[in-house]
Protein backbone atom coordinates (compact mmCIF):
# COMPACT_ATOMS: atom_id res chain seq x y z
CA MET A 1 125.92 141.14 103.35
CA ILE A 2 123.14 143.24 101.87
CA PHE A 3 119.87 141.43 101.18
CA SER A 4 118.33 142.39 97.86
CA MET A 5 115.15 141.22 96.24
CA ARG A 6 113.52 141.91 92.89
CA PRO A 7 110.59 144.38 93.25
CA GLY A 8 107.96 141.75 92.38
CA ARG A 9 109.26 139.35 95.01
CA ALA A 10 109.42 142.10 97.63
CA ILE A 11 105.75 142.88 97.06
CA GLY A 12 104.85 139.17 97.21
CA ALA A 13 106.82 138.72 100.44
CA ALA A 14 105.18 141.80 101.95
CA PHE A 15 101.72 140.53 101.01
CA ALA A 16 102.49 137.10 102.50
CA ALA A 17 103.63 138.74 105.75
CA PHE A 18 100.45 140.83 105.77
CA LEU A 19 98.25 137.72 105.44
CA VAL A 20 100.01 135.94 108.28
CA LEU A 21 100.41 138.88 110.64
CA SER A 22 97.43 141.10 109.90
CA PRO A 23 95.06 141.46 112.90
CA ALA A 24 92.11 141.46 110.48
CA VAL A 25 93.02 137.98 109.28
CA ALA A 26 95.17 136.60 112.09
CA GLY A 27 93.75 134.61 114.95
CA PRO A 28 95.21 134.02 118.40
CA GLY A 29 98.98 133.92 118.30
CA GLY A 30 99.13 135.78 114.99
CA MET A 31 98.34 132.76 112.80
CA ALA A 32 95.67 133.27 110.17
CA ASP A 33 92.51 131.18 110.31
CA PRO A 34 91.91 130.12 106.69
CA LEU A 35 88.18 129.74 107.34
CA ASP A 36 87.98 133.41 108.32
CA ALA A 37 90.26 134.47 105.50
CA VAL A 38 88.14 132.87 102.81
CA ALA A 39 84.71 133.04 104.50
CA VAL A 40 83.77 129.38 104.27
CA HIS A 41 81.13 129.53 107.00
CA ASP A 42 78.15 129.20 104.66
CA PHE A 43 77.22 125.64 105.62
CA ASP A 44 73.64 124.76 104.88
CA GLU A 45 71.78 122.87 107.61
CA GLU A 46 71.79 119.61 105.68
CA HIS A 47 75.58 119.52 105.34
CA ALA A 48 76.86 121.20 108.50
CA HIS A 49 77.72 117.72 109.81
CA LEU A 50 80.39 117.44 107.13
CA TYR A 51 82.65 120.09 108.58
CA VAL A 52 85.41 118.44 110.55
CA GLU A 53 88.65 120.36 110.86
CA SER A 54 91.65 118.91 109.03
CA ARG A 55 95.33 119.78 109.11
CA PHE A 56 94.73 122.08 106.13
CA ASP A 57 92.30 124.21 108.18
CA ARG A 58 95.10 124.92 110.65
CA MET A 59 97.38 126.21 107.89
CA SER A 60 97.61 129.84 106.84
CA PRO A 61 96.91 130.75 103.19
CA VAL A 62 100.66 131.20 102.76
CA GLU A 63 101.37 127.72 104.13
CA LEU A 64 98.71 126.21 101.86
CA ALA A 65 100.22 127.97 98.86
CA ALA A 66 103.67 126.66 99.82
CA LEU A 67 102.64 122.99 99.71
CA GLU A 68 104.51 121.01 97.08
CA LYS A 69 102.80 121.43 93.70
CA GLY A 70 101.84 118.32 91.75
CA LYS A 71 101.60 116.21 94.91
CA ALA A 72 98.27 114.89 96.15
CA HIS A 73 97.63 116.30 99.61
CA ILE A 74 94.55 114.53 101.01
CA ALA A 75 93.30 114.51 104.61
CA TRP A 76 90.86 111.70 105.38
CA ASN A 77 88.38 112.62 108.14
CA ALA A 78 86.31 109.57 107.19
CA PRO A 79 87.16 105.89 106.64
CA SER A 80 89.19 105.44 103.47
CA GLY A 81 89.80 101.69 103.32
CA CYS A 82 86.42 100.89 101.77
CA VAL A 83 86.44 103.72 99.19
CA PRO A 84 86.81 102.28 95.67
CA GLY A 85 90.14 102.82 93.96
CA ARG A 86 88.48 104.67 91.10
CA LEU A 87 87.14 107.37 93.46
CA LYS A 88 90.50 107.59 95.24
CA ALA A 89 92.14 108.07 91.82
CA VAL A 90 89.79 110.99 91.06
CA LEU A 91 90.56 112.57 94.45
CA ASP A 92 94.28 112.10 93.87
CA ARG A 93 94.14 113.82 90.47
CA ALA A 94 91.92 116.62 91.83
CA ALA A 95 94.33 117.28 94.72
CA ARG A 96 97.27 117.46 92.32
CA ARG A 97 95.38 119.84 90.06
CA TYR A 98 93.45 122.08 92.49
CA GLY A 99 95.17 121.82 95.87
CA PRO A 100 94.72 120.02 99.19
CA ILE A 101 91.52 118.05 99.78
CA THR A 102 89.72 117.05 102.96
CA VAL A 103 87.39 114.05 102.70
CA ASN A 104 84.69 114.37 105.35
CA SER A 105 82.26 111.61 104.46
CA SER A 106 82.58 108.17 102.91
CA VAL A 107 80.69 105.27 104.48
CA ARG A 108 77.65 105.82 106.73
CA SER A 109 75.49 103.54 108.82
CA THR A 110 71.76 103.54 108.11
CA ALA A 111 71.16 105.38 111.41
CA LYS A 112 73.78 108.08 110.65
CA ASN A 113 72.49 108.43 107.10
CA ARG A 114 68.94 108.96 108.41
CA LYS A 115 70.20 111.43 111.06
CA VAL A 116 72.04 113.59 108.50
CA GLY A 117 69.16 113.56 106.02
CA GLY A 118 70.76 111.20 103.50
CA ARG A 119 68.67 109.50 100.84
CA LYS A 120 67.30 106.03 101.54
CA ARG A 121 69.49 104.48 98.82
CA SER A 122 72.54 106.71 99.37
CA TYR A 123 75.80 105.49 97.86
CA HIS A 124 77.39 106.38 101.22
CA LEU A 125 75.67 103.32 102.74
CA SER A 126 77.94 101.04 100.69
CA CYS A 127 81.02 103.32 100.75
CA GLN A 128 80.58 104.13 97.06
CA ALA A 129 80.53 107.93 97.62
CA VAL A 130 82.69 110.66 99.14
CA ASP A 131 82.00 114.23 100.20
CA PHE A 132 85.04 116.48 100.16
CA ARG A 133 86.24 120.05 99.97
CA ILE A 134 89.16 121.65 98.24
CA HIS A 135 91.51 124.04 100.04
CA GLY A 136 92.67 125.89 96.97
CA ALA A 137 91.55 127.59 93.81
CA ALA A 138 88.53 125.50 92.90
CA ARG A 139 87.58 127.32 89.72
CA GLY A 140 86.53 124.81 87.09
CA VAL A 141 86.32 121.84 89.47
CA MET A 142 82.74 120.89 88.54
CA ALA A 143 83.49 120.80 84.83
CA TRP A 144 86.68 118.84 85.49
CA LEU A 145 84.88 116.32 87.75
CA ALA A 146 82.11 115.94 85.16
CA GLY A 147 84.79 114.96 82.66
CA GLN A 148 86.17 112.15 84.83
CA LYS A 149 84.91 108.78 83.59
CA GLU A 150 85.02 107.28 87.10
CA VAL A 151 82.49 109.81 88.46
CA GLY A 152 78.80 108.92 88.37
CA GLY A 153 76.86 111.17 90.73
CA LEU A 154 78.18 114.70 91.06
CA LYS A 155 77.01 117.60 93.23
CA ARG A 156 78.45 120.82 94.64
CA TYR A 157 76.67 121.99 97.77
CA ALA A 158 76.27 125.68 98.65
CA SER A 159 78.60 125.05 101.58
CA GLY A 160 81.47 124.33 99.17
CA PHE A 161 81.50 120.54 99.54
CA TYR A 162 81.61 118.27 96.53
CA HIS A 163 79.95 114.85 96.31
CA ILE A 164 81.09 112.17 93.88
CA ASP A 165 79.96 108.55 93.69
CA THR A 166 80.15 105.42 91.55
CA GLY A 167 76.47 105.41 90.55
CA PRO A 168 75.03 106.30 87.16
CA ARG A 169 75.84 109.70 85.64
CA ARG A 170 73.63 112.32 87.27
CA SER A 171 73.57 115.59 89.15
CA TRP A 172 70.86 117.06 91.35
């Protein structure tokens, strides 16, 4: 049997193979490291503590793109049981719209909050805030988050993390 493919699909398949197998992008064993591929190493000092690897970090760009569309793919690297349903609903909708999400911060003790430079009255102290990142095309995320009625505080850090909370509407 002869295998045939439309020209557009052949180019797409060749590009996908390049991403996975290219020595410039591939790590040990030939698998691409998505952090290297998209240069997400710009963590500022204040938020470096937020980076904890999730299952999405171990996936190649091709594997991320192949995840089922319209499904909420969320990795929780922080406690999720105390996070209010309204924030979980926003994360769910964001993951369906923009791609996989890793939540790296939810509730913090006073000592941890002080250690990481959190504000004295941080919403993280009462599990009313989450810090997360999106493993996908995040264009327009801030505007979309600002339009969600459940979101009070909203911030995008230079490191690529987003903060949302249940407090009053504000950004800083």
